[in-house]
Protein backbone atom coordinates (compact mmCIF):
# COMPACT_ATOMS: atom_id res chain seq x y z
CA MET A 1 45.39 110.56 158.80
CA ASN A 2 47.23 108.85 155.97
CA VAL A 3 50.92 109.70 155.44
CA THR A 4 53.84 108.66 153.38
CA LEU A 5 56.91 108.14 155.65
CA ILE A 6 60.32 109.11 154.21
CA THR A 7 63.49 108.32 156.02
CA GLY A 8 66.64 110.32 155.29
CA ALA A 9 64.28 113.25 154.50
CA SER A 10 66.53 116.21 155.53
CA GLY A 11 68.37 116.35 152.24
CA GLY A 12 69.23 114.77 148.92
CA ILE A 13 66.89 112.15 147.62
CA GLY A 14 64.74 111.97 150.63
CA GLU A 15 63.99 115.68 150.62
CA ALA A 16 63.39 115.59 146.89
CA PHE A 17 60.84 112.79 147.45
CA ALA A 18 59.07 115.03 150.16
CA ARG A 19 58.85 117.99 147.90
CA ARG A 20 57.42 115.96 145.07
CA LEU A 21 55.00 114.16 147.03
CA ALA A 22 53.83 117.36 148.89
CA ALA A 23 53.16 118.88 145.41
CA GLU A 24 50.97 115.86 144.64
CA LYS A 25 48.91 116.54 147.90
CA HIS A 26 50.45 113.62 150.11
CA ASN A 27 50.50 114.20 153.79
CA LEU A 28 53.99 113.31 155.08
CA LEU A 29 55.96 112.07 158.04
CA LEU A 30 59.75 112.94 157.50
CA VAL A 31 62.39 111.21 159.46
CA ALA A 32 66.03 112.05 159.91
CA ARG A 33 68.54 112.98 162.47
CA SER A 34 68.52 116.71 162.15
CA GLU A 35 65.49 118.37 163.90
CA PRO A 36 66.25 121.92 162.59
CA LYS A 37 66.32 120.78 158.96
CA LEU A 38 63.19 118.66 159.22
CA ARG A 39 61.30 121.49 161.03
CA THR A 40 62.23 123.93 158.24
CA ILE A 41 61.23 121.55 155.41
CA CYS A 42 57.91 120.63 157.05
CA GLY A 43 57.13 124.31 157.62
CA GLU A 44 57.96 125.11 153.94
CA LEU A 45 55.89 122.20 152.58
CA THR A 46 52.82 122.92 154.82
CA GLN A 47 52.77 126.46 153.78
CA GLN A 48 53.53 126.07 150.11
CA PHE A 49 51.26 123.03 149.36
CA GLY A 50 48.60 123.06 152.10
CA ILE A 51 49.34 119.46 153.25
CA GLN A 52 50.22 118.04 156.62
CA ALA A 53 53.94 117.59 157.02
CA GLN A 54 55.25 116.29 160.25
CA TYR A 55 58.49 114.99 161.51
CA VAL A 56 60.25 112.66 163.93
CA ALA A 57 64.03 113.38 164.63
CA VAL A 58 65.62 110.03 165.27
CA ASP A 59 68.85 108.27 164.69
CA LEU A 60 67.97 105.08 162.84
CA THR A 61 71.51 103.64 163.51
CA LYS A 62 70.48 103.19 167.05
CA PRO A 63 68.82 99.81 168.06
CA GLY A 64 65.14 100.31 168.95
CA ALA A 65 64.72 103.48 166.79
CA ASP A 66 62.16 101.56 164.70
CA GLN A 67 59.89 100.90 167.67
CA LEU A 68 60.17 104.44 168.77
CA LEU A 69 59.17 105.72 165.41
CA PHE A 70 56.31 103.21 165.11
CA ASP A 71 55.03 104.22 168.57
CA GLU A 72 55.09 107.87 167.60
CA THR A 73 52.86 107.24 164.66
CA GLU A 74 50.41 105.27 166.82
CA LYS A 75 50.36 108.19 169.28
CA ARG A 76 49.65 110.72 166.43
CA ASN A 77 47.01 108.39 164.91
CA LEU A 78 48.90 108.33 161.65
CA THR A 79 48.23 105.66 159.08
CA VAL A 80 51.45 104.80 157.06
CA ASP A 81 50.26 103.97 153.67
CA GLY A 82 53.54 104.79 151.96
CA LEU A 83 57.00 103.84 153.18
CA ILE A 84 60.12 105.15 151.50
CA ASN A 85 63.26 103.63 153.06
CA ASN A 86 65.72 106.09 151.72
CA ALA A 87 68.17 106.62 154.74
CA GLY A 88 71.54 105.28 154.07
CA ILE A 89 75.20 105.92 154.58
CA GLY A 90 78.29 104.59 152.51
CA SER A 91 81.90 104.34 152.64
CA GLY A 92 84.89 103.81 150.26
CA GLY A 93 88.29 102.49 150.85
CA ASP A 94 90.43 99.59 151.86
CA LEU A 95 88.44 97.72 154.68
CA LEU A 96 91.34 98.00 157.27
CA GLU A 97 91.63 101.73 156.59
CA LEU A 98 88.06 102.29 157.55
CA ASP A 99 86.70 102.60 161.07
CA LEU A 100 84.98 99.39 162.20
CA ALA A 101 82.36 101.13 164.30
CA SER A 102 81.33 103.24 161.37
CA GLU A 103 81.08 100.25 159.10
CA LEU A 104 78.90 98.47 161.58
CA ALA A 105 76.73 101.58 161.94
CA MET A 106 76.35 101.58 158.11
CA MET A 107 75.14 98.04 158.23
CA GLN A 108 72.67 98.78 160.95
CA LEU A 109 71.11 101.66 158.92
CA ASN A 110 71.35 100.29 155.41
CA MET A 111 69.93 96.87 156.22
CA ASN A 112 68.62 96.48 159.72
CA ALA A 113 66.56 99.70 159.98
CA LEU A 114 65.17 99.07 156.65
CA VAL A 115 63.97 95.56 157.52
CA ALA A 116 62.68 96.75 160.89
CA LEU A 117 60.57 99.69 159.48
CA THR A 118 59.21 97.35 156.87
CA TYR A 119 58.25 94.91 159.51
CA ARG A 120 56.63 97.63 161.68
CA PHE A 121 54.39 99.10 159.01
CA LEU A 122 53.66 96.13 156.80
CA PRO A 123 50.96 94.50 158.91
CA GLY A 124 48.73 97.66 158.63
CA MET A 125 49.22 97.81 154.79
CA ARG A 126 48.25 94.09 154.63
CA ALA A 127 45.20 94.66 156.67
CA ARG A 128 44.02 97.42 154.35
CA LYS A 129 45.27 95.69 151.24
CA HIS A 130 46.87 98.73 150.13
CA GLY A 131 50.27 100.40 150.40
CA THR A 132 53.43 101.24 148.64
CA ILE A 133 57.09 100.56 149.73
CA ILE A 134 60.07 102.01 147.96
CA ASN A 135 63.50 100.77 149.15
CA VAL A 136 66.39 102.86 147.94
CA ALA A 137 69.39 100.75 146.96
CA SER A 138 72.15 101.84 144.54
CA MET A 139 73.86 100.76 141.39
CA ALA A 140 76.19 99.04 143.88
CA CYS A 141 73.46 96.44 144.55
CA PHE A 142 74.27 94.62 141.29
CA GLN A 143 77.79 93.34 142.01
CA PRO A 144 80.56 93.10 144.76
CA ILE A 145 82.74 96.16 144.61
CA PRO A 146 86.33 96.01 145.95
CA TYR A 147 87.13 99.03 148.16
CA MET A 148 83.39 99.57 148.73
CA ALA A 149 82.98 96.09 150.16
CA VAL A 150 80.67 96.63 152.97
CA TYR A 151 78.61 99.32 151.36
CA ALA A 152 78.00 97.27 148.24
CA ALA A 153 77.18 94.14 150.25
CA SER A 154 74.65 96.13 152.26
CA LYS A 155 72.96 97.22 148.97
CA MET A 156 72.92 93.78 147.64
CA PHE A 157 71.07 92.80 150.75
CA VAL A 158 68.55 95.57 150.09
CA ARG A 159 68.02 94.32 146.55
CA SER A 160 67.53 90.60 147.64
CA PHE A 161 65.26 91.54 150.50
CA THR A 162 63.06 93.88 148.26
CA GLU A 163 62.59 91.43 145.56
CA ALA A 164 61.38 88.87 148.04
CA MET A 165 59.04 91.30 149.56
CA MET A 166 57.65 92.01 146.13
CA VAL A 167 56.53 88.46 145.73
CA GLU A 168 55.35 87.93 149.40
CA ASN A 169 53.15 90.90 149.22
CA GLN A 170 51.54 90.42 145.94
CA PRO A 171 48.38 88.77 147.45
CA PHE A 172 47.89 91.92 149.60
CA GLN A 173 47.92 94.51 146.65
CA ILE A 174 51.05 96.18 148.12
CA ARG A 175 53.34 97.74 145.67
CA VAL A 176 56.98 97.19 146.46
CA MET A 177 59.69 98.67 144.41
CA LEU A 178 63.49 98.76 144.46
CA LEU A 179 65.00 102.11 143.35
CA CYS A 180 68.57 102.02 142.07
CA PRO A 181 70.32 105.45 141.72
CA GLY A 182 73.79 105.99 140.49
CA ALA A 183 76.00 108.82 141.58
CA THR A 184 73.74 111.65 142.75
CA GLU A 185 74.45 115.21 143.86
CA THR A 186 73.65 114.55 147.54
CA GLY A 187 76.98 115.47 149.33
CA PHE A 188 77.91 111.78 149.52
CA PHE A 189 81.47 112.18 147.98
CA ASP A 190 82.43 115.38 149.91
CA ALA A 191 81.24 113.90 153.18
CA ALA A 192 83.49 110.90 152.40
CA ASN A 193 86.39 113.00 151.42
CA LEU A 194 86.23 111.54 147.82
CA THR A 195 87.03 114.67 145.77
CA GLY A 196 88.68 115.22 142.47
CA GLU A 197 90.13 112.03 140.83
CA LYS A 198 88.86 109.87 143.71
CA ARG A 199 85.41 111.19 143.23
CA SER A 200 85.61 110.42 139.44
CA ALA A 201 86.74 106.85 140.24
CA TYR A 202 84.06 106.11 142.75
CA SER A 203 81.24 107.61 140.93
CA GLY A 204 81.96 105.90 137.62
CA GLY A 205 82.87 109.10 135.72
CA ASP A 206 80.77 112.27 134.90
CA ARG A 207 77.35 110.67 135.38
CA THR A 208 75.93 112.39 138.35
CA GLU A 209 72.14 112.98 138.53
CA THR A 210 70.25 115.43 140.70
CA PRO A 211 67.96 114.03 143.48
CA GLU A 212 64.94 115.48 141.44
CA GLN A 213 65.93 113.37 138.48
CA VAL A 214 66.24 110.18 140.70
CA VAL A 215 62.84 110.92 142.13
CA GLU A 216 61.21 111.60 138.63
CA SER A 217 62.67 108.11 137.70
CA ALA A 218 61.04 106.67 140.74
CA MET A 219 57.62 108.00 140.12
CA ARG A 220 57.76 106.97 136.40
CA GLY A 221 58.68 103.52 137.62
CA LEU A 222 55.70 103.45 140.14
CA ARG A 223 53.31 104.50 137.43
CA ALA A 224 54.61 101.89 135.01
CA GLY A 225 54.30 99.18 137.61
CA LYS A 226 58.03 98.44 137.63
CA ARG A 227 59.57 96.24 140.31
CA ILE A 228 63.12 97.64 139.81
CA THR A 229 63.68 101.12 138.65
CA VAL A 230 67.19 102.22 137.67
CA SER A 231 67.71 105.92 137.41
CA GLY A 232 69.43 107.35 134.42
CA PHE A 233 70.04 105.78 130.85
CA GLN A 234 73.76 105.07 131.25
CA ASN A 235 72.97 103.24 134.55
CA ARG A 236 70.29 101.20 133.03
CA VAL A 237 72.75 100.17 130.32
CA THR A 238 75.26 99.34 132.92
CA ALA A 239 72.88 97.30 134.88
CA PHE A 240 71.65 95.41 131.75
CA LEU A 241 75.10 94.53 130.64
CA GLY A 242 75.90 93.52 134.00
CA HIS A 243 73.55 90.53 133.75
CA PHE A 244 75.85 89.08 131.00
CA ILE A 245 79.36 89.79 132.46
CA PRO A 246 80.46 87.54 135.31
CA ASN A 247 81.53 89.16 138.65
CA SER A 248 84.85 87.23 138.21
CA PHE A 249 85.58 89.34 135.39
CA ILE A 250 84.31 92.73 136.61
CA MET A 251 85.80 92.69 140.12
CA PRO A 252 89.50 92.48 139.02
CA ILE A 253 88.87 95.51 136.74
CA LEU A 254 87.04 97.52 139.55
CA ALA A 255 89.90 96.64 141.89
CA GLY A 256 92.66 97.80 139.57
CA TRP A 257 90.67 101.01 139.04
CA LEU A 258 89.82 101.80 142.66
CA ARG A 259 92.93 100.47 144.38
CA PRO A 260 95.28 103.35 143.78
CA LYS A 261 92.44 105.74 144.90
CA ALA A 262 91.83 103.84 148.09
CA LYS A 263 95.32 104.10 149.54
CA ASP A 264 95.06 107.79 150.61
CA GLN A 265 91.50 108.06 151.74
CA GLY A 266 88.60 106.36 153.48
CA GLY A 267 85.56 107.58 155.19
CA VAL A 268 81.80 107.35 155.75
CA ALA A 269 79.28 109.56 154.00
CA THR A 270 75.71 110.61 154.74
CA ARG A 271 73.98 109.54 151.60
CA SER A 272 74.18 106.44 149.60
CA ILE A 273 74.82 106.39 145.88
């Protein structure tokens, strides 16, 4: 059975992808840590849309989780013809005020797990000369961000890796797209203790989209054959202008904006922006 595999599918953008694709009659394999949430979502989607929705509860920050997930698809005779690498965590604050173990776990999930899952499922797509990969990055992938240093660097890695994969897989008719949401209503800021003025600073103001809006942008981007989809008009303008403004000019402005907010907080969240 052909399925689309979605990581980070227990909420936010991942859940929105699952509901949108189920409505379009795609069979699904949902991946996240929370088994109760995955079980509930799969039950709802199967009953509502008449598709097959399965799940694997696994912590992708743990080494070897990618092999476990791949082995499970083999055991269930599932053909992954769509891969949405959505799972991600983020943090904000002065590096030395953050927990090192959490920062390293963020790097494991945002970068290593994404590469590993691509590596596991790409051979089958190439053999069939068919497949779609969406890697979810962030507006943070376009420049270094002081006081979000590790998070932004991890998303810049996702951007670089994805753009290379686009070219490497052209001969195999595999679509690879980078999705860049801005601030999204996913619980990211509350989980990271970024509320009120701090939330406004780290989100860039009142420009929050819903997960459904982000997924709609992604689907339009796929239909249009885009390689990079930036969700939201203001975010697209920001990304465009960023091509012409050097980082040496932008970073001191960002640092001055975020430094006062970084002194009394710091934390790790469960969804990337």
